[in-house]
N, C-alpha and C. Protein backbone atom coordinates (compact mmCIF):
# COMPACT_ATOMS: atom_id res chain seq x y z
N MET A 1 122.85 -119.32 -21.00
CA MET A 1 121.65 -119.75 -21.27
C MET A 1 121.46 -119.74 -22.25
N THR A 2 120.50 -121.13 -22.07
CA THR A 2 120.32 -121.84 -23.39
C THR A 2 118.90 -121.24 -24.33
N SER A 3 118.73 -121.33 -25.79
CA SER A 3 117.44 -120.97 -26.03
C SER A 3 115.79 -121.31 -25.67
N ALA A 4 116.71 -122.67 -24.71
CA ALA A 4 115.10 -122.79 -23.79
C ALA A 4 114.64 -121.98 -23.15
N SER A 5 115.53 -121.38 -22.12
CA SER A 5 115.36 -120.59 -21.13
C SER A 5 115.04 -119.38 -21.28
N ARG A 6 114.68 -118.42 -22.43
CA ARG A 6 114.53 -117.12 -23.20
C ARG A 6 113.20 -117.26 -23.01
N GLN A 7 112.57 -116.27 -22.59
CA GLN A 7 111.65 -116.26 -22.86
C GLN A 7 110.80 -114.87 -22.94
N GLY A 8 109.42 -114.02 -23.73
CA GLY A 8 109.50 -112.74 -24.19
C GLY A 8 109.70 -111.59 -25.19
N PHE A 9 109.12 -110.91 -25.28
CA PHE A 9 109.09 -110.68 -26.70
C PHE A 9 110.85 -109.42 -26.28
N THR A 10 111.45 -109.70 -27.75
CA THR A 10 112.72 -108.82 -27.61
C THR A 10 112.66 -107.54 -27.60
N MET A 11 113.28 -106.55 -28.02
CA MET A 11 113.13 -105.07 -27.86
C MET A 11 112.41 -104.56 -29.18
N ILE A 12 112.73 -105.31 -30.30
CA ILE A 12 112.84 -105.19 -31.62
C ILE A 12 111.24 -105.27 -31.89
N GLU A 13 110.95 -106.44 -31.61
CA GLU A 13 110.06 -106.64 -31.13
C GLU A 13 109.07 -106.01 -31.11
N LEU A 14 108.60 -105.36 -29.70
CA LEU A 14 108.04 -104.09 -28.68
C LEU A 14 107.79 -103.27 -29.39
N LEU A 15 108.95 -102.38 -30.12
CA LEU A 15 108.91 -101.44 -31.21
C LEU A 15 107.97 -101.74 -32.55
N VAL A 16 108.28 -102.60 -32.83
CA VAL A 16 107.61 -102.69 -33.97
C VAL A 16 105.99 -103.14 -33.85
N ALA A 17 105.63 -103.85 -32.51
CA ALA A 17 104.59 -103.94 -32.43
C ALA A 17 103.78 -102.27 -31.99
N LEU A 18 104.42 -101.79 -31.51
CA LEU A 18 104.27 -100.08 -30.98
C LEU A 18 103.87 -99.49 -32.36
N ALA A 19 105.04 -99.49 -33.74
CA ALA A 19 104.95 -98.89 -34.51
C ALA A 19 103.37 -99.17 -35.58
N VAL A 20 103.26 -100.53 -35.41
CA VAL A 20 101.70 -101.23 -36.01
C VAL A 20 100.88 -100.26 -35.44
N PHE A 21 100.78 -100.59 -33.64
CA PHE A 21 99.66 -99.82 -33.00
C PHE A 21 99.06 -98.26 -32.99
N SER A 22 100.02 -97.59 -33.26
CA SER A 22 100.24 -96.17 -32.93
C SER A 22 99.41 -95.88 -35.06
N LEU A 23 100.22 -96.60 -35.68
CA LEU A 23 99.38 -96.30 -37.33
C LEU A 23 97.59 -96.58 -37.23
N ALA A 24 97.37 -97.71 -36.65
CA ALA A 24 95.79 -98.35 -36.91
C ALA A 24 95.12 -97.22 -35.99
N ALA A 25 96.05 -96.24 -34.39
CA ALA A 25 95.37 -95.38 -34.37
C ALA A 25 95.19 -93.92 -34.86
N MET A 26 96.44 -93.58 -35.44
CA MET A 26 96.10 -92.40 -36.13
C MET A 26 94.98 -92.91 -37.48
N ALA A 27 95.07 -93.64 -38.34
CA ALA A 27 94.15 -94.03 -39.09
C ALA A 27 92.48 -94.19 -38.29
N LEU A 28 92.67 -94.20 -37.38
CA LEU A 28 91.15 -94.62 -36.60
C LEU A 28 90.84 -92.90 -36.39
N LEU A 29 91.89 -92.25 -35.48
CA LEU A 29 91.56 -90.56 -35.28
C LEU A 29 91.40 -89.68 -36.75
N ASN A 30 91.66 -90.65 -38.15
CA ASN A 30 92.10 -89.51 -38.86
C ASN A 30 90.25 -90.00 -39.37
N LEU A 31 89.92 -91.51 -39.67
CA LEU A 31 88.48 -91.73 -39.59
C LEU A 31 87.42 -90.61 -38.86
N ALA A 32 87.82 -90.21 -37.74
CA ALA A 32 86.58 -89.72 -36.79
C ALA A 32 86.67 -88.43 -37.29
N GLY A 33 87.87 -88.25 -38.04
CA GLY A 33 87.80 -86.30 -37.99
C GLY A 33 87.14 -86.52 -39.64
N GLU A 34 87.59 -87.23 -39.87
CA GLU A 34 86.68 -87.09 -41.49
C GLU A 34 85.44 -86.82 -41.32
N ASN A 35 84.81 -88.25 -40.27
CA ASN A 35 83.15 -88.23 -39.77
C ASN A 35 82.41 -86.44 -39.38
N THR A 36 83.76 -86.12 -38.89
CA THR A 36 83.04 -84.71 -38.25
C THR A 36 83.29 -83.47 -39.10
N ARG A 37 83.60 -83.31 -40.13
CA ARG A 37 83.94 -82.95 -41.77
C ARG A 37 82.72 -82.99 -42.04
N SER A 38 82.40 -84.60 -42.82
CA SER A 38 81.46 -84.96 -43.44
C SER A 38 79.97 -84.10 -42.71
N GLN A 39 79.81 -84.45 -41.78
CA GLN A 39 78.93 -84.28 -40.81
C GLN A 39 78.27 -82.36 -41.17
N ALA A 40 79.69 -81.86 -40.78
CA ALA A 40 79.14 -80.21 -41.08
C ALA A 40 79.00 -79.85 -42.63
N ARG A 41 79.06 -80.50 -43.15
CA ARG A 41 78.74 -80.51 -45.11
C ARG A 41 77.77 -80.88 -45.33
N VAL A 42 77.20 -81.83 -44.20
CA VAL A 42 75.46 -82.35 -44.80
C VAL A 42 74.64 -81.19 -44.03
N GLU A 43 74.91 -81.21 -43.09
CA GLU A 43 74.50 -80.22 -42.09
C GLU A 43 74.35 -78.77 -42.94
N ASP A 44 75.41 -78.26 -43.88
CA ASP A 44 75.24 -77.31 -44.66
C ASP A 44 74.03 -77.33 -45.66
N ARG A 45 74.28 -78.24 -46.26
CA ARG A 45 73.78 -78.57 -47.49
C ARG A 45 72.40 -78.72 -47.11
N THR A 46 71.86 -78.93 -45.37
CA THR A 46 70.69 -79.84 -45.52
C THR A 46 69.75 -78.22 -45.35
N LEU A 47 70.25 -77.50 -44.20
CA LEU A 47 69.75 -76.34 -43.80
C LEU A 47 69.81 -75.35 -44.80
N GLY A 48 70.89 -74.95 -46.07
CA GLY A 48 70.87 -74.25 -46.83
C GLY A 48 69.61 -74.44 -47.86
N GLY A 49 69.51 -76.18 -47.79
CA GLY A 49 68.13 -76.57 -49.18
C GLY A 49 66.55 -76.08 -48.55
N ILE A 50 66.48 -75.99 -47.42
CA ILE A 50 65.72 -75.58 -46.72
C ILE A 50 65.72 -73.90 -46.65
N VAL A 51 66.52 -73.53 -46.64
CA VAL A 51 66.62 -71.64 -46.98
C VAL A 51 66.33 -71.29 -48.85
N ALA A 52 66.87 -72.14 -48.81
CA ALA A 52 66.76 -72.37 -50.89
C ALA A 52 65.07 -73.01 -51.29
N GLU A 53 64.44 -73.89 -50.61
CA GLU A 53 62.98 -74.07 -50.83
C GLU A 53 62.13 -73.32 -50.17
N ASN A 54 62.54 -72.46 -49.07
CA ASN A 54 61.98 -71.45 -48.47
C ASN A 54 61.33 -70.34 -49.61
N LEU A 55 62.55 -69.74 -50.00
CA LEU A 55 62.69 -68.52 -50.88
C LEU A 55 62.07 -68.67 -52.38
N ALA A 56 62.16 -70.41 -53.02
CA ALA A 56 61.56 -70.64 -54.23
C ALA A 56 59.97 -70.57 -54.00
N VAL A 57 59.48 -71.22 -52.40
CA VAL A 57 57.70 -70.90 -52.35
C VAL A 57 58.01 -69.66 -52.55
N GLN A 58 58.43 -68.26 -51.75
CA GLN A 58 58.16 -67.33 -51.64
C GLN A 58 58.42 -66.41 -53.10
N ALA A 59 59.40 -67.08 -54.55
CA ALA A 59 59.41 -66.57 -55.54
C ALA A 59 58.03 -67.37 -56.57
N SER A 60 57.19 -68.04 -56.19
CA SER A 60 56.38 -68.91 -56.49
C SER A 60 54.84 -68.41 -56.31
N ILE A 61 55.07 -67.70 -55.11
CA ILE A 61 53.38 -67.21 -55.02
C ILE A 61 53.44 -65.73 -55.41
N ALA A 62 54.80 -65.06 -55.05
CA ALA A 62 54.44 -63.85 -55.44
C ALA A 62 53.95 -63.24 -56.83
N PRO A 63 52.90 -62.33 -56.69
CA PRO A 63 51.99 -61.99 -57.54
C PRO A 63 52.91 -61.31 -58.71
N SER A 64 54.03 -61.00 -58.96
CA SER A 64 55.30 -60.98 -60.25
C SER A 64 56.59 -60.56 -59.42
N LEU A 65 56.76 -60.98 -60.75
CA LEU A 65 58.64 -61.03 -60.12
C LEU A 65 59.41 -60.36 -61.05
N GLY A 66 60.21 -59.67 -61.03
CA GLY A 66 60.99 -58.63 -62.21
C GLY A 66 62.09 -59.16 -62.62
N GLU A 67 62.38 -58.99 -64.01
CA GLU A 67 63.75 -60.01 -64.52
C GLU A 67 64.85 -59.12 -63.87
N GLY A 68 65.92 -60.03 -62.94
CA GLY A 68 66.85 -59.44 -62.79
C GLY A 68 67.65 -60.65 -61.68
N GLU A 69 68.61 -59.71 -61.12
CA GLU A 69 69.20 -60.38 -60.10
C GLU A 69 68.54 -59.78 -58.63
N SER A 70 69.04 -59.88 -57.49
CA SER A 70 68.60 -59.96 -56.02
C SER A 70 68.91 -60.69 -55.06
N SER A 71 69.50 -60.05 -54.15
CA SER A 71 70.27 -60.78 -52.89
C SER A 71 69.89 -60.05 -51.86
N GLY A 72 69.98 -61.04 -50.53
CA GLY A 72 70.28 -61.06 -49.65
C GLY A 72 70.89 -62.22 -48.17
N GLN A 73 69.88 -61.92 -46.84
CA GLN A 73 70.25 -62.55 -46.04
C GLN A 73 69.38 -63.08 -45.05
N THR A 74 69.68 -64.55 -44.78
CA THR A 74 68.25 -65.19 -43.77
C THR A 74 68.71 -65.58 -42.72
N THR A 75 68.48 -65.59 -41.69
CA THR A 75 68.80 -66.96 -40.49
C THR A 75 67.74 -67.82 -40.25
N LEU A 76 68.73 -69.12 -40.33
CA LEU A 76 68.09 -70.41 -39.97
C LEU A 76 68.56 -71.21 -39.11
N ALA A 77 68.16 -71.74 -37.91
CA ALA A 77 68.85 -72.52 -36.99
C ALA A 77 70.00 -71.59 -36.29
N GLY A 78 69.59 -70.30 -36.02
CA GLY A 78 70.81 -69.93 -35.34
C GLY A 78 72.30 -69.08 -36.42
N ARG A 79 71.66 -69.51 -38.04
CA ARG A 79 72.94 -68.93 -38.24
C ARG A 79 72.58 -68.22 -39.97
N SER A 80 73.08 -67.62 -40.29
CA SER A 80 73.25 -66.58 -41.17
C SER A 80 73.45 -66.95 -42.60
N TRP A 81 72.42 -67.17 -43.73
CA TRP A 81 72.68 -67.53 -44.62
C TRP A 81 72.79 -66.61 -45.84
N ARG A 82 73.24 -66.39 -47.05
CA ARG A 82 73.61 -65.68 -47.88
C ARG A 82 72.64 -65.95 -49.14
N TRP A 83 71.82 -65.46 -49.59
CA TRP A 83 71.49 -65.91 -50.84
C TRP A 83 71.03 -64.81 -52.23
N SER A 84 71.23 -65.79 -53.43
CA SER A 84 71.13 -64.44 -54.35
C SER A 84 70.08 -65.35 -54.86
N GLN A 85 68.84 -64.36 -56.26
CA GLN A 85 68.35 -64.63 -57.09
C GLN A 85 68.10 -64.36 -58.35
N THR A 86 68.11 -64.86 -59.20
CA THR A 86 68.13 -64.62 -60.74
C THR A 86 66.60 -64.79 -61.18
N VAL A 87 66.45 -63.93 -61.91
CA VAL A 87 64.95 -64.24 -62.60
C VAL A 87 64.67 -63.96 -64.43
N ALA A 88 65.08 -64.79 -64.51
CA ALA A 88 65.13 -64.03 -66.31
C ALA A 88 64.20 -65.06 -67.19
N ALA A 89 64.24 -64.27 -68.07
CA ALA A 89 62.92 -64.95 -69.43
C ALA A 89 64.10 -66.38 -70.33
N THR A 90 62.38 -67.32 -70.38
CA THR A 90 63.03 -68.54 -71.12
C THR A 90 62.53 -68.39 -72.26
N ASP A 91 62.66 -68.88 -73.59
CA ASP A 91 62.24 -68.94 -74.54
C ASP A 91 60.63 -68.99 -74.86
N ASP A 92 59.54 -69.35 -73.78
CA ASP A 92 58.40 -69.29 -73.64
C ASP A 92 57.90 -67.84 -73.44
N PRO A 93 57.65 -66.92 -73.58
CA PRO A 93 57.23 -65.40 -73.34
C PRO A 93 56.55 -65.73 -72.06
N ASN A 94 55.68 -66.38 -71.79
CA ASN A 94 54.69 -66.73 -70.89
C ASN A 94 55.97 -67.33 -69.13
N ILE A 95 56.52 -67.66 -69.77
CA ILE A 95 57.60 -68.71 -68.64
C ILE A 95 58.96 -68.06 -68.05
N GLN A 96 58.36 -68.07 -66.71
CA GLN A 96 60.20 -67.20 -66.27
C GLN A 96 61.17 -68.46 -65.38
N ARG A 97 62.10 -68.33 -65.55
CA ARG A 97 63.48 -68.99 -64.48
C ARG A 97 63.51 -68.29 -64.33
N ILE A 98 63.64 -69.06 -62.05
CA ILE A 98 64.37 -68.16 -61.39
C ILE A 98 65.20 -69.46 -60.81
N GLN A 99 66.51 -68.71 -60.11
CA GLN A 99 67.68 -69.81 -59.82
C GLN A 99 67.81 -68.81 -58.84
N ILE A 100 68.02 -70.04 -57.83
CA ILE A 100 68.26 -69.49 -56.38
C ILE A 100 69.61 -70.07 -55.84
N ARG A 101 70.40 -69.47 -55.59
CA ARG A 101 72.17 -70.03 -54.85
C ARG A 101 72.04 -69.13 -53.23
N VAL A 102 72.13 -70.55 -52.31
CA VAL A 102 72.08 -70.10 -50.96
C VAL A 102 73.71 -70.68 -50.81
N SER A 103 74.49 -69.37 -49.84
CA SER A 103 75.99 -69.71 -49.08
C SER A 103 76.16 -69.34 -47.85
N THR A 104 76.94 -70.33 -47.11
CA THR A 104 77.81 -69.40 -46.03
C THR A 104 79.14 -68.97 -46.14
N GLU A 105 79.33 -68.91 -44.90
CA GLU A 105 81.54 -68.13 -45.11
C GLU A 105 82.16 -69.43 -45.75
N GLU A 106 81.59 -70.42 -45.98
CA GLU A 106 82.22 -71.47 -46.87
C GLU A 106 82.64 -71.74 -47.85
N GLY A 107 80.80 -71.50 -48.60
CA GLY A 107 80.89 -71.45 -50.28
C GLY A 107 79.75 -71.69 -50.20
N GLN A 108 79.18 -72.24 -51.16
CA GLN A 108 77.61 -72.66 -51.39
C GLN A 108 77.09 -73.47 -51.23
N ALA A 109 75.82 -73.53 -50.69
CA ALA A 109 75.52 -74.51 -49.49
C ALA A 109 74.21 -75.11 -50.40
N ALA A 110 73.79 -74.46 -51.12
CA ALA A 110 72.29 -75.03 -51.91
C ALA A 110 72.20 -73.92 -52.96
N ALA A 111 71.56 -75.07 -54.26
CA ALA A 111 71.17 -73.98 -55.51
C ALA A 111 69.71 -74.45 -55.70
N ARG A 112 68.39 -73.91 -56.03
CA ARG A 112 67.40 -74.83 -57.06
C ARG A 112 66.80 -73.76 -58.07
N THR A 113 66.75 -74.29 -59.21
CA THR A 113 66.06 -73.86 -60.30
C THR A 113 64.53 -73.85 -60.53
N LEU A 114 63.36 -73.14 -60.78
CA LEU A 114 61.92 -73.12 -60.64
C LEU A 114 61.91 -72.55 -61.80
N PHE A 115 60.63 -72.53 -62.45
CA PHE A 115 59.93 -72.13 -63.40
C PHE A 115 58.52 -72.07 -62.83
N ARG A 116 57.59 -70.35 -63.40
CA ARG A 116 56.81 -70.09 -63.05
C ARG A 116 56.46 -69.30 -64.42
N ALA A 117 54.84 -69.32 -64.25
CA ALA A 117 54.04 -68.54 -65.16
C ALA A 117 54.25 -66.95 -64.78
N ARG A 118 54.77 -66.78 -65.65
CA ARG A 118 54.90 -64.95 -65.76
C ARG A 118 53.40 -64.05 -65.17
N ALA A 119 52.90 -63.78 -64.01
CA ALA A 119 51.98 -62.88 -64.10
C ALA A 119 51.66 -61.67 -65.35
N GLY A 120 50.19 -62.21 -64.88
CA GLY A 120 49.52 -61.32 -66.19
C GLY A 120 48.46 -61.56 -67.20
């Protein structure tokens, strides 16, 4: 057999091509999985932010807020959200600082801080 009559790929060339293709496929699958995880984190932060904003509105329109910490649980979008609210004095005796933290089972989803005039 002469070299001019040989055609096609050798077994080594096919194995190398298959290895390169499989590495590219694995990279694409990993990227798709990371996009899915990222989307879930964005959803948690967005919905947690809505819960925190709702609590901030409630705190800002409440007739009075005593200093200290309170916590609770609320439901939004069919999911349960834990929250904690800390009301503290500031250097100005007429201003209160309110910190709100919202979390899921996975961890903190959102946080808000607002200031309001002390009632009275």
